[in-house]
Structures are given as structure tokens and as C-alpha cells.
Amino acid sequence: MRLELKEAEVCHLKEVISRLNIDLDSRDTAVVMAHEAKVAAETALQQLTDDLATLGARLQFEVSSACLLTSEASSLAESVASILKEREEKVQSAWD
């Protein structure tokens, strides 16, 4: 009878150890999945940050280009206005 109790206890302990191993495997799986999700989120964040930096640089370039074109357009308009005024003065003086 004593032997049967020891065998039953050994069997019970084996079951407990087996359940603990299953629990540990489940926890390990969850930890691995959480780590993979974290790495994926960090990669996505880095990609978004890079994309925002690229968009910011492009926007800055466009604004700089627009500023250059605006001053060139203003200069051209002033030159055309000056030429037209000179011609108008010449025509006016020819009529006088």
C-alpha cells in the first residue's frame, strides 16, 4: 500500500510538472509574440518618422523654391512695368 501511495504521488507530481511546463510554454509564446509586436511597432514608428522627415524636407524645399520664384516674378513684373512706362513716355513725348 505504501508503494501504491508513492506511485500515486509520483504520478500526481508528474502531472503538476507537466502542467507547469505547459504554462511556461504558453507564457514563453506570449512573451515572444509581445516582443515581435514591439519590434514591428518600433519598425513602423521609425518608418513613419523617416517619412515625416522626408515630407518635411520636401516641403521646406518647395517653400524655398516658391520664395525664389516669387522674388524673380516680382523683379520681372517690375522690369516689364518699367519698360512699358518708358515706352508710354516716349509715345507721349512724340505726340507733344
Protein backbone atom coordinates (compact mmCIF):
# COMPACT_ATOMS: atom_id res chain seq x y z
CA MET A 1 0.00 0.00 0.00
CA ARG A 2 2.82 2.33 0.76
CA LEU A 3 4.25 1.67 -2.69
CA GLU A 4 0.91 2.46 -4.28
CA LEU A 5 0.75 5.81 -2.42
CA LYS A 6 4.25 6.69 -3.54
CA GLU A 7 3.41 5.75 -7.12
CA ALA A 8 0.24 7.86 -6.95
CA GLU A 9 2.22 10.77 -5.50
CA VAL A 10 4.86 10.42 -8.24
CA CYS A 11 2.12 10.33 -10.86
CA HIS A 12 0.50 13.43 -9.36
CA LEU A 13 3.83 15.28 -9.26
CA LYS A 14 4.47 14.36 -12.91
CA GLU A 15 1.07 15.82 -13.83
CA VAL A 16 1.82 19.00 -11.88
CA ILE A 17 5.22 19.34 -13.60
CA SER A 18 3.61 18.70 -16.98
CA ARG A 19 1.00 21.44 -16.34
CA LEU A 20 3.73 23.83 -15.19
CA ASN A 21 5.70 23.15 -18.36
CA ILE A 22 2.60 23.82 -20.47
CA ASP A 23 2.03 27.07 -18.56
CA LEU A 24 5.65 28.09 -19.08
CA ASP A 25 5.41 27.29 -22.80
CA SER A 26 2.26 29.40 -23.05
CA ARG A 27 3.96 32.28 -21.24
CA ASP A 28 7.04 31.96 -23.43
CA THR A 29 4.85 32.06 -26.53
CA ALA A 30 3.07 35.16 -25.23
CA VAL A 31 6.39 36.84 -24.41
CA VAL A 32 7.77 36.04 -27.87
CA MET A 33 4.61 37.36 -29.53
CA ALA A 34 4.72 40.53 -27.45
CA HIS A 35 8.38 41.05 -28.33
CA GLU A 36 7.66 40.55 -32.04
CA ALA A 37 4.77 43.03 -31.83
CA LYS A 38 7.04 45.55 -30.10
CA VAL A 39 9.71 45.17 -32.78
CA ALA A 40 7.08 45.58 -35.52
CA ALA A 41 5.71 48.70 -33.81
CA GLU A 42 9.20 50.18 -33.45
CA THR A 43 9.91 49.48 -37.13
CA ALA A 44 6.62 51.11 -38.15
CA LEU A 45 7.35 54.12 -35.94
CA GLN A 46 10.82 54.51 -37.46
CA GLN A 47 9.36 54.28 -40.98
CA LEU A 48 6.73 56.92 -40.15
CA THR A 49 9.39 59.16 -38.62
CA ASP A 50 11.56 58.80 -41.73
CA ASP A 51 8.57 59.52 -43.98
CA LEU A 52 7.70 62.63 -41.97
CA ALA A 53 11.30 63.84 -42.18
CA THR A 54 11.27 63.31 -45.95
CA LEU A 55 7.97 65.17 -46.30
CA GLY A 56 9.29 67.99 -44.13
CA ALA A 57 12.41 68.31 -46.27
CA ARG A 58 10.34 68.31 -49.46
CA LEU A 59 8.00 70.94 -48.06
CA GLN A 60 10.93 73.11 -47.00
CA PHE A 61 12.42 72.77 -50.49
CA GLU A 62 9.09 73.71 -52.09
CA VAL A 63 8.72 76.74 -49.83
CA SER A 64 12.29 77.83 -50.60
CA SER A 65 11.70 77.35 -54.32
CA ALA A 66 8.45 79.30 -54.15
CA CYS A 67 10.22 82.16 -52.36
CA LEU A 68 12.86 82.27 -55.06
CA LEU A 69 10.26 82.23 -57.82
CA THR A 70 8.22 84.93 -56.08
CA SER A 71 11.16 87.34 -55.97
CA GLU A 72 12.04 86.54 -59.60
CA ALA A 73 8.42 87.06 -60.66
CA SER A 74 8.28 90.38 -58.80
CA SER A 75 11.52 91.51 -60.41
CA LEU A 76 10.25 90.54 -63.87
CA ALA A 77 6.95 92.37 -63.27
CA GLU A 78 8.83 95.50 -62.18
CA SER A 79 11.05 95.32 -65.28
CA VAL A 80 8.05 94.94 -67.59
CA ALA A 81 6.27 97.82 -65.85
CA SER A 82 9.38 99.99 -66.22
CA ILE A 83 9.71 99.17 -69.93
CA LEU A 84 6.02 99.91 -70.53
CA LYS A 85 6.31 103.21 -68.66
CA GLU A 86 9.36 104.22 -70.75
CA ARG A 87 7.51 103.40 -73.98
CA GLU A 88 4.45 105.29 -72.80
CA GLU A 89 6.64 108.32 -72.04
CA LYS A 90 8.26 108.09 -75.49
CA VAL A 91 4.86 107.87 -77.19
CA GLN A 92 3.59 110.75 -75.08
CA SER A 93 6.61 112.90 -75.91
CA ALA A 94 6.21 112.07 -79.61
CA TRP A 95 2.63 113.37 -79.51
CA ASP A 96 3.61 116.56 -77.78
